[in-house]
Each structure stands twice: as C-alpha cells, then as structure tokens.
Amino acid sequence: MSGDIWDSHAGWWQRQFTDGVDPEYQDQILPLVDDLTLGFDKILDVGCGEGQVTRSLSTKPSQVVGVDPSWRQVLKAQERSSGETYVQASAALLPFETEAFDAAIACLVFEHITEMSEAIAEVARILKPGGRFVFLLNHPLLQTPGSGWVEDYTSETPSQYWRIGQYLVEQETIEEVELGVKISFVHRPLSVYLNSLAESGLILKRMLEPAPPESFLERNDAYRSARNIPRLLVLVCEKQ
C-alpha cells in the first residue's frame, strides 16, 4: 500500500468514509470490530487511516495504537485522537517489538497491500501467543473485479443473478472511485489469504459474512436486489 497514493487522496477518504458519513462503517464495521476485540488490552490497528476504527475500540485509549503509511492520514488521526497513539509506517515493516500486542485488526486494508505475505508475517510477529487478529476484507469471492448484479432479459424467462468475475486470477486493478481519485486494488483468492495466515501461525477460529446493513441499502437502492450477497468477509484468527 503506497503512502504516496493515500497522501494524495487522504481528503477524499476523510470526506467520504469517516466521521459517521459512511453507513457500512457506522452501522456494521465499527460495532463488529469493537465486539471482536472486547477483552483485549493492547491493540494495533494496521492501516488505520485517519483513525476512525482505532477510536471506536472500547479498550483504554492509551492501549490502542494505529499505524498507517500515509502522513496525511496519521496527522489527521492525531488531530482527532482521544488518547490513542498513531505511527507512520508500512504494514510490511512494523516498528514494534515482537509480541508487543494482545490483538491486531486490519480493516479493508490488505486489498491495497502488495506485500501481503510480509505484512501478515509482521502481524503475527507483534502478537503475543494466543493473540487475536481481526481481519476484514472486501469479500474475495463475491466482490471479485467484474462481479455484479445482472438482470438478464434476453430470454423468454428473465433471470437475475450475481455474476462473479475471474476469481482465481490474482490481479491488481486501478479503479476511479470518484472523478480524479484512482485507487489500486489487489484481488486474491481466499485460499491465498488463509494459507498465508496459516504459514505465519495465525489460525482461523471464526468466519463471518454479514449481509449489508439496511442503512447502506437505503442509500444504495441499486444494491437492494443483491442484499443477500455479502460485501464483507471477517476472519477471526488466533496466534498459535
């Protein structure tokens, strides 16, 4: 994940996805992350951006650390901080001691990281034995590039279905998410993530595929027909 790209587009992210603006974060992601890290004291938020996930954690703020490669995001996180600590660094080279944290989270971050296996190994390194890694991804199968809702009226019996793109093809795409805002996304099959986690000693304990929240559907009516197609995948792993 390039800090330069996210420095260039930090304002877009802060405007579109933080401070209660985005319903998926507000009504689904933040409550999920808070619940899944409950009971863990020292927590690292990998790819924290401007810190909205970090700030949402119910543990003591002094025990929460956010790390991000973008200086503009880190500076905004420090400005909005309620006591958390923020550090500028790459996920593939975390500037923390081995076994320094009880838990770690990565929220919709690894889709933008090219050094995926190195970053996962670093998460494993900084976790204590028995530590938890809460790993949130855009669903690798159902949100593969080229996927989407299809209404087919070419036959006598119209059909509706969710088309899945070339799932097995690892690929990096550049998407223009807003006029002038181009973001790099890396697609990998789920097996690539799970095998990399296992190789680093992070063992899957739970997997969640929540449906999109109603508040998201209200603002994105075109997605309502696909309301039973999850956008989010949550992997809850434990360090051996």
C-alpha atoms as a PDB file:
ATOM      1  CA  MET A   1       0.000   0.000   0.000  1.00  0.00           C
ATOM      2  CA  SER A   2       1.639   3.196  -1.149  1.00  0.00           C
ATOM      3  CA  GLY A   3       1.646   6.056   1.330  1.00  0.00           C
ATOM      4  CA  ASP A   4       2.014   8.482  -1.607  1.00  0.00           C
ATOM      5  CA  ILE A   5      -1.310   7.388  -3.153  1.00  0.00           C
ATOM      6  CA  TRP A   6      -3.145   7.701   0.144  1.00  0.00           C
ATOM      7  CA  ASP A   7      -1.464  11.035   0.883  1.00  0.00           C
ATOM      8  CA  SER A   8      -2.818  12.286  -2.443  1.00  0.00           C
ATOM      9  CA  HIS A   9      -6.350  11.020  -1.711  1.00  0.00           C
ATOM     10  CA  ALA A  10      -6.492  11.424   2.076  1.00  0.00           C
ATOM     11  CA  GLY A  11      -9.054  14.208   1.782  1.00  0.00           C
ATOM     12  CA  TRP A  12     -11.370  12.017  -0.307  1.00  0.00           C
ATOM     13  CA  TRP A  13     -11.197   9.205   2.275  1.00  0.00           C
ATOM     14  CA  GLN A  14     -11.736  11.533   5.217  1.00  0.00           C
ATOM     15  CA  ARG A  15     -14.688  13.167   3.470  1.00  0.00           C
ATOM     16  CA  GLN A  16     -16.451  10.023   2.214  1.00  0.00           C
ATOM     17  CA  PHE A  17     -15.853   7.331   4.844  1.00  0.00           C
ATOM     18  CA  THR A  18     -15.252   8.865   8.279  1.00  0.00           C
ATOM     19  CA  ASP A  19     -16.990  10.876  10.993  1.00  0.00           C
ATOM     20  CA  GLY A  20     -20.254   8.940  10.655  1.00  0.00           C
ATOM     21  CA  VAL A  21     -20.658   9.615   6.920  1.00  0.00           C
ATOM     22  CA  ASP A  22     -20.490   6.013   5.677  1.00  0.00           C
ATOM     23  CA  PRO A  23     -23.311   3.727   6.920  1.00  0.00           C
ATOM     24  CA  GLU A  24     -21.366   0.499   6.407  1.00  0.00           C
ATOM     25  CA  TYR A  25     -18.660   1.705   8.763  1.00  0.00           C
ATOM     26  CA  GLN A  26     -21.038   3.307  11.234  1.00  0.00           C
ATOM     27  CA  ASP A  27     -23.671   0.566  11.455  1.00  0.00           C
ATOM     28  CA  GLN A  28     -21.694  -2.583  10.673  1.00  0.00           C
ATOM     29  CA  ILE A  29     -17.894  -2.397  10.657  1.00  0.00           C
ATOM     30  CA  LEU A  30     -17.275  -0.321  13.792  1.00  0.00           C
ATOM     31  CA  PRO A  31     -19.651  -2.351  16.022  1.00  0.00           C
ATOM     32  CA  LEU A  32     -18.176  -5.622  14.675  1.00  0.00           C
ATOM     33  CA  VAL A  33     -14.587  -4.559  15.331  1.00  0.00           C
ATOM     34  CA  ASP A  34     -15.415  -3.309  18.808  1.00  0.00           C
ATOM     35  CA  ASP A  35     -17.188  -6.563  19.698  1.00  0.00           C
ATOM     36  CA  LEU A  36     -14.448  -8.813  18.297  1.00  0.00           C
ATOM     37  CA  THR A  37     -11.659  -7.013  20.184  1.00  0.00           C
ATOM     38  CA  LEU A  38     -13.540  -6.843  23.501  1.00  0.00           C
ATOM     39  CA  GLY A  39     -11.411  -8.101  26.384  1.00  0.00           C
ATOM     40  CA  PHE A  40      -8.074  -7.488  24.674  1.00  0.00           C
ATOM     41  CA  ASP A  41      -5.953  -4.735  26.156  1.00  0.00           C
ATOM     42  CA  LYS A  42      -3.175  -3.590  23.840  1.00  0.00           C
ATOM     43  CA  ILE A  43      -4.443  -3.455  20.249  1.00  0.00           C
ATOM     44  CA  LEU A  44      -2.775  -2.483  16.963  1.00  0.00           C
ATOM     45  CA  ASP A  45      -4.861  -1.111  14.074  1.00  0.00           C
ATOM     46  CA  VAL A  46      -2.953  -1.855  10.853  1.00  0.00           C
ATOM     47  CA  GLY A  47      -3.702   0.618   8.060  1.00  0.00           C
ATOM     48  CA  CYS A  48      -5.631   2.867  10.423  1.00  0.00           C
ATOM     49  CA  GLY A  49      -6.121   5.769   8.016  1.00  0.00           C
ATOM     50  CA  GLU A  50      -7.427   8.778   9.916  1.00  0.00           C
ATOM     51  CA  GLY A  51      -8.205   6.579  12.910  1.00  0.00           C
ATOM     52  CA  GLN A  52     -11.973   6.067  12.986  1.00  0.00           C
ATOM     53  CA  VAL A  53     -11.666   2.316  13.664  1.00  0.00           C
ATOM     54  CA  THR A  54      -8.924   2.911  16.224  1.00  0.00           C
ATOM     55  CA  ARG A  55     -11.064   5.476  18.057  1.00  0.00           C
ATOM     56  CA  SER A  56     -14.061   3.121  18.131  1.00  0.00           C
ATOM     57  CA  LEU A  57     -12.370   0.463  20.258  1.00  0.00           C
ATOM     58  CA  SER A  58     -13.767   0.246  23.773  1.00  0.00           C
ATOM     59  CA  THR A  59     -10.446  -0.542  25.441  1.00  0.00           C
ATOM     60  CA  LYS A  60      -8.453   2.219  27.164  1.00  0.00           C
ATOM     61  CA  PRO A  61      -7.234   4.704  24.507  1.00  0.00           C
ATOM     62  CA  SER A  62      -3.698   4.593  25.928  1.00  0.00           C
ATOM     63  CA  GLN A  63      -3.552   0.913  24.967  1.00  0.00           C
ATOM     64  CA  VAL A  64      -4.537   1.402  21.307  1.00  0.00           C
ATOM     65  CA  VAL A  65      -2.051   2.136  18.523  1.00  0.00           C
ATOM     66  CA  GLY A  66      -2.793   2.921  14.882  1.00  0.00           C
ATOM     67  CA  VAL A  67      -0.236   2.606  12.087  1.00  0.00           C
ATOM     68  CA  ASP A  68      -0.538   3.855   8.511  1.00  0.00           C
ATOM     69  CA  PRO A  69       1.891   4.634   5.646  1.00  0.00           C
ATOM     70  CA  SER A  70       0.250   7.988   4.850  1.00  0.00           C
ATOM     71  CA  TRP A  71       1.499  11.032   6.758  1.00  0.00           C
ATOM     72  CA  ARG A  72      -1.657  12.996   5.932  1.00  0.00           C
ATOM     73  CA  GLN A  73      -3.822  10.257   7.401  1.00  0.00           C
ATOM     74  CA  VAL A  74      -1.646   9.934  10.518  1.00  0.00           C
ATOM     75  CA  LEU A  75      -1.666  13.700  11.093  1.00  0.00           C
ATOM     76  CA  LYS A  76      -5.480  13.794  10.821  1.00  0.00           C
ATOM     77  CA  ALA A  77      -5.688  10.792  13.185  1.00  0.00           C
ATOM     78  CA  GLN A  78      -3.508  12.606  15.721  1.00  0.00           C
ATOM     79  CA  GLU A  79      -5.683  15.699  15.371  1.00  0.00           C
ATOM     80  CA  ARG A  80      -8.867  13.678  16.051  1.00  0.00           C
ATOM     81  CA  SER A  81      -7.304  11.443  18.705  1.00  0.00           C
ATOM     82  CA  SER A  82      -8.947  10.907  22.073  1.00  0.00           C
ATOM     83  CA  GLY A  83      -5.766   9.459  23.569  1.00  0.00           C
ATOM     84  CA  GLU A  84      -4.668   6.788  21.085  1.00  0.00           C
ATOM     85  CA  THR A  85      -1.164   6.682  19.606  1.00  0.00           C
ATOM     86  CA  TYR A  86      -0.532   6.925  15.851  1.00  0.00           C
ATOM     87  CA  VAL A  87       2.621   5.955  13.946  1.00  0.00           C
ATOM     88  CA  GLN A  88       3.595   6.360  10.290  1.00  0.00           C
ATOM     89  CA  ALA A  89       4.963   3.061   8.925  1.00  0.00           C
ATOM     90  CA  SER A  90       4.417   0.286   6.381  1.00  0.00           C
ATOM     91  CA  ALA A  91       2.410  -2.807   7.338  1.00  0.00           C
ATOM     92  CA  ALA A  92       5.252  -4.912   5.925  1.00  0.00           C
ATOM     93  CA  LEU A  93       7.761  -3.418   8.397  1.00  0.00           C
ATOM     94  CA  LEU A  94       6.005  -2.635  11.668  1.00  0.00           C
ATOM     95  CA  PRO A  95       8.165  -0.599  14.092  1.00  0.00           C
ATOM     96  CA  PHE A  96       7.146  -2.540  17.214  1.00  0.00           C
ATOM     97  CA  GLU A  97       8.753  -5.159  19.413  1.00  0.00           C
ATOM     98  CA  THR A  98       7.922  -8.841  18.949  1.00  0.00           C
ATOM     99  CA  GLU A  99       4.856  -9.989  20.957  1.00  0.00           C
ATOM    100  CA  ALA A 100       4.028  -6.400  21.936  1.00  0.00           C
ATOM    101  CA  PHE A 101       0.243  -6.588  21.329  1.00  0.00           C
ATOM    102  CA  ASP A 102      -2.691  -8.673  22.564  1.00  0.00           C
ATOM    103  CA  ALA A 103      -4.724  -8.153  19.387  1.00  0.00           C
ATOM    104  CA  ALA A 104      -4.489  -6.611  15.934  1.00  0.00           C
ATOM    105  CA  ILE A 105      -7.047  -5.527  13.378  1.00  0.00           C
ATOM    106  CA  ALA A 106      -6.852  -4.745   9.678  1.00  0.00           C
ATOM    107  CA  CYS A 107      -9.986  -3.215   8.229  1.00  0.00           C
ATOM    108  CA  LEU A 108     -10.314  -3.243   4.419  1.00  0.00           C
ATOM    109  CA  VAL A 109      -6.571  -2.658   4.133  1.00  0.00           C
ATOM    110  CA  PHE A 110      -4.963  -5.745   2.625  1.00  0.00           C
ATOM    111  CA  GLU A 111      -6.758  -5.189  -0.695  1.00  0.00           C
ATOM    112  CA  HIS A 112      -4.321  -2.288  -1.124  1.00  0.00           C
ATOM    113  CA  ILE A 113      -1.137  -4.030   0.108  1.00  0.00           C
ATOM    114  CA  THR A 114       1.134  -5.612  -2.489  1.00  0.00           C
ATOM    115  CA  GLU A 115       3.499  -7.134   0.134  1.00  0.00           C
ATOM    116  CA  MET A 116       0.690  -9.239   1.571  1.00  0.00           C
ATOM    117  CA  SER A 117       2.624 -12.188   2.995  1.00  0.00           C
ATOM    118  CA  GLU A 118       5.241  -9.908   4.571  1.00  0.00           C
ATOM    119  CA  ALA A 119       2.511  -7.824   6.213  1.00  0.00           C
ATOM    120  CA  ILE A 120       0.734 -10.898   7.615  1.00  0.00           C
ATOM    121  CA  ALA A 121       4.047 -12.203   8.964  1.00  0.00           C
ATOM    122  CA  GLU A 122       4.584  -8.861  10.689  1.00  0.00           C
ATOM    123  CA  VAL A 123       1.129  -9.013  12.283  1.00  0.00           C
ATOM    124  CA  ALA A 124       1.961 -12.479  13.588  1.00  0.00           C
ATOM    125  CA  ARG A 125       5.303 -11.279  14.918  1.00  0.00           C
ATOM    126  CA  ILE A 126       3.903  -8.422  17.009  1.00  0.00           C
ATOM    127  CA  LEU A 127       1.119 -10.558  18.519  1.00  0.00           C
ATOM    128  CA  LYS A 128       1.517 -12.415  21.791  1.00  0.00           C
ATOM    129  CA  PRO A 129       0.813 -16.178  21.738  1.00  0.00           C
ATOM    130  CA  GLY A 130      -2.959 -16.564  21.923  1.00  0.00           C
ATOM    131  CA  GLY A 131      -3.374 -13.065  20.489  1.00  0.00           C
ATOM    132  CA  ARG A 132      -6.240 -12.303  18.125  1.00  0.00           C
ATOM    133  CA  PHE A 133      -6.142 -10.944  14.579  1.00  0.00           C
ATOM    134  CA  VAL A 134      -9.420  -9.486  13.286  1.00  0.00           C
ATOM    135  CA  PHE A 135      -9.051  -9.391   9.502  1.00  0.00           C
ATOM    136  CA  LEU A 136     -11.727  -7.602   7.449  1.00  0.00           C
ATOM    137  CA  LEU A 137     -11.739  -7.843   3.656  1.00  0.00           C
ATOM    138  CA  ASN A 138     -13.969  -6.936   0.786  1.00  0.00           C
ATOM    139  CA  HIS A 139     -15.328 -10.441   0.170  1.00  0.00           C
ATOM    140  CA  PRO A 140     -12.657 -12.023  -2.093  1.00  0.00           C
ATOM    141  CA  LEU A 141     -15.150 -14.274  -3.907  1.00  0.00           C
ATOM    142  CA  LEU A 142     -18.264 -12.163  -4.182  1.00  0.00           C
ATOM    143  CA  GLN A 143     -16.520  -8.818  -4.735  1.00  0.00           C
ATOM    144  CA  THR A 144     -14.017 -10.096  -7.315  1.00  0.00           C
ATOM    145  CA  PRO A 145     -13.352  -7.488 -10.055  1.00  0.00           C
ATOM    146  CA  GLY A 146     -16.015  -7.888 -12.713  1.00  0.00           C
ATOM    147  CA  SER A 147     -18.640  -9.141 -10.264  1.00  0.00           C
ATOM    148  CA  GLY A 148     -22.056  -7.538 -10.054  1.00  0.00           C
ATOM    149  CA  TRP A 149     -25.808  -7.868 -10.207  1.00  0.00           C
ATOM    150  CA  VAL A 150     -27.178  -8.919 -13.597  1.00  0.00           C
ATOM    151  CA  GLU A 151     -30.762  -8.647 -14.834  1.00  0.00           C
ATOM    152  CA  ASP A 152     -30.971 -10.750 -17.972  1.00  0.00           C
ATOM    153  CA  TYR A 153     -33.998 -10.078 -20.186  1.00  0.00           C
ATOM    154  CA  THR A 154     -32.634 -11.722 -23.324  1.00  0.00           C
ATOM    155  CA  SER A 155     -34.561 -14.973 -22.887  1.00  0.00           C
ATOM    156  CA  GLU A 156     -38.272 -15.638 -22.633  1.00  0.00           C
ATOM    157  CA  THR A 157     -37.885 -16.111 -18.895  1.00  0.00           C
ATOM    158  CA  PRO A 158     -35.932 -13.140 -17.470  1.00  0.00           C
ATOM    159  CA  SER A 159     -33.381 -14.042 -14.823  1.00  0.00           C
ATOM    160  CA  GLN A 160     -31.495 -12.183 -12.113  1.00  0.00           C
ATOM    161  CA  TYR A 161     -28.198 -13.333 -10.659  1.00  0.00           C
ATOM    162  CA  TRP A 162     -24.894 -12.231  -9.156  1.00  0.00           C
ATOM    163  CA  ARG A 163     -22.083 -12.543 -11.683  1.00  0.00           C
ATOM    164  CA  ILE A 164     -18.652 -13.474 -10.274  1.00  0.00           C
ATOM    165  CA  GLY A 165     -15.535 -12.275 -12.070  1.00  0.00           C
ATOM    166  CA  GLN A 166     -12.294 -14.208 -12.623  1.00  0.00           C
ATOM    167  CA  TYR A 167     -11.950 -15.271  -9.006  1.00  0.00           C
ATOM    168  CA  LEU A 168      -8.833 -17.450  -9.345  1.00  0.00           C
ATOM    169  CA  VAL A 169      -6.824 -14.759 -11.141  1.00  0.00           C
ATOM    170  CA  GLU A 170      -4.673 -12.682  -8.796  1.00  0.00           C
ATOM    171  CA  GLN A 171      -4.729  -9.196 -10.231  1.00  0.00           C
ATOM    172  CA  GLU A 172      -4.160  -5.568  -9.399  1.00  0.00           C
ATOM    173  CA  THR A 173      -6.637  -3.080 -10.825  1.00  0.00           C
ATOM    174  CA  ILE A 174      -6.845   0.702 -10.737  1.00  0.00           C
ATOM    175  CA  GLU A 175     -10.347   1.972 -10.025  1.00  0.00           C
ATOM    176  CA  GLU A 176     -11.530   5.543 -10.403  1.00  0.00           C
ATOM    177  CA  VAL A 177     -13.713   5.666  -7.295  1.00  0.00           C
ATOM    178  CA  GLU A 178     -14.521   9.335  -7.794  1.00  0.00           C
ATOM    179  CA  LEU A 179     -13.652  11.822 -10.520  1.00  0.00           C
ATOM    180  CA  GLY A 180      -9.874  12.192 -10.362  1.00  0.00           C
ATOM    181  CA  VAL A 181      -9.462   9.692  -7.489  1.00  0.00           C
ATOM    182  CA  LYS A 182      -7.762   6.498  -8.663  1.00  0.00           C
ATOM    183  CA  ILE A 183      -7.077   3.758  -6.121  1.00  0.00           C
ATOM    184  CA  SER A 184      -5.178   0.486  -6.571  1.00  0.00           C
ATOM    185  CA  PHE A 185      -6.929  -2.738  -5.513  1.00  0.00           C
ATOM    186  CA  VAL A 186      -5.298  -6.170  -5.326  1.00  0.00           C
ATOM    187  CA  HIS A 187      -7.569  -9.190  -5.736  1.00  0.00           C
ATOM    188  CA  ARG A 188      -6.500 -12.536  -4.294  1.00  0.00           C
ATOM    189  CA  PRO A 189      -8.484 -15.763  -3.807  1.00  0.00           C
ATOM    190  CA  LEU A 190      -9.445 -16.502  -0.216  1.00  0.00           C
ATOM    191  CA  SER A 191      -7.085 -19.507  -0.185  1.00  0.00           C
ATOM    192  CA  VAL A 192      -4.101 -17.172  -0.660  1.00  0.00           C
ATOM    193  CA  TYR A 193      -5.027 -15.244   2.465  1.00  0.00           C
ATOM    194  CA  LEU A 194      -5.804 -18.342   4.536  1.00  0.00           C
ATOM    195  CA  ASN A 195      -2.608 -20.137   3.553  1.00  0.00           C
ATOM    196  CA  SER A 196      -0.511 -17.070   4.297  1.00  0.00           C
ATOM    197  CA  LEU A 197      -2.192 -16.702   7.696  1.00  0.00           C
ATOM    198  CA  ALA A 198      -1.560 -20.389   8.495  1.00  0.00           C
ATOM    199  CA  GLU A 199       2.081 -20.176   7.405  1.00  0.00           C
ATOM    200  CA  SER A 200       2.550 -17.331   9.909  1.00  0.00           C
ATOM    201  CA  GLY A 201       0.887 -19.274  12.717  1.00  0.00           C
ATOM    202  CA  LEU A 202      -2.410 -17.384  12.599  1.00  0.00           C
ATOM    203  CA  ILE A 203      -5.170 -19.981  12.763  1.00  0.00           C
ATOM    204  CA  LEU A 204      -8.748 -19.265  11.690  1.00  0.00           C
ATOM    205  CA  LYS A 205     -11.220 -19.547  14.588  1.00  0.00           C
ATOM    206  CA  ARG A 206     -14.337 -17.875  13.144  1.00  0.00           C
ATOM    207  CA  MET A 207     -15.519 -16.535   9.790  1.00  0.00           C
ATOM    208  CA  LEU A 208     -18.327 -14.013   9.349  1.00  0.00           C
ATOM    209  CA  GLU A 209     -20.151 -12.956   6.158  1.00  0.00           C
ATOM    210  CA  PRO A 210     -22.616 -10.287   7.290  1.00  0.00           C
ATOM    211  CA  ALA A 211     -25.300  -9.011   4.935  1.00  0.00           C
ATOM    212  CA  PRO A 212     -25.106  -5.317   4.008  1.00  0.00           C
ATOM    213  CA  PRO A 213     -26.802  -3.182   6.686  1.00  0.00           C
ATOM    214  CA  GLU A 214     -30.193  -1.666   5.946  1.00  0.00           C
ATOM    215  CA  SER A 215     -28.742   1.841   6.211  1.00  0.00           C
ATOM    216  CA  PHE A 216     -26.390   1.039   3.319  1.00  0.00           C
ATOM    217  CA  LEU A 217     -29.253  -0.314   1.197  1.00  0.00           C
ATOM    218  CA  GLU A 218     -31.297   2.823   1.859  1.00  0.00           C
ATOM    219  CA  ARG A 219     -28.523   4.935   0.357  1.00  0.00           C
ATOM    220  CA  ASN A 220     -27.681   2.454  -2.429  1.00  0.00           C
ATOM    221  CA  ASP A 221     -31.043   1.286  -3.700  1.00  0.00           C
ATOM    222  CA  ALA A 222     -29.484  -0.317  -6.788  1.00  0.00           C
ATOM    223  CA  TYR A 223     -27.823  -2.855  -4.468  1.00  0.00           C
ATOM    224  CA  ARG A 224     -31.072  -3.842  -2.767  1.00  0.00           C
ATOM    225  CA  SER A 225     -31.717  -6.694  -5.208  1.00  0.00           C
ATOM    226  CA  ALA A 226     -28.350  -8.140  -4.129  1.00  0.00           C
ATOM    227  CA  ARG A 227     -28.977  -7.649  -0.401  1.00  0.00           C
ATOM    228  CA  ASN A 228     -28.232 -11.338   0.261  1.00  0.00           C
ATOM    229  CA  ILE A 229     -24.768 -11.044  -1.308  1.00  0.00           C
ATOM    230  CA  PRO A 230     -22.224 -10.110   1.400  1.00  0.00           C
ATOM    231  CA  ARG A 231     -19.793  -7.316   0.667  1.00  0.00           C
ATOM    232  CA  LEU A 232     -17.704  -8.002   3.762  1.00  0.00           C
ATOM    233  CA  LEU A 233     -15.687 -11.004   4.961  1.00  0.00           C
ATOM    234  CA  VAL A 234     -14.396 -11.147   8.548  1.00  0.00           C
ATOM    235  CA  LEU A 235     -11.726 -13.645   9.588  1.00  0.00           C
ATOM    236  CA  VAL A 236     -11.011 -14.029  13.297  1.00  0.00           C
ATOM    237  CA  CYS A 237      -7.622 -15.675  13.804  1.00  0.00           C
ATOM    238  CA  GLU A 238      -5.553 -16.696  16.809  1.00  0.00           C
ATOM    239  CA  LYS A 239      -1.774 -16.838  17.066  1.00  0.00           C
ATOM    240  CA  GLN A 240      -0.540 -20.288  17.997  1.00  0.00           C
END
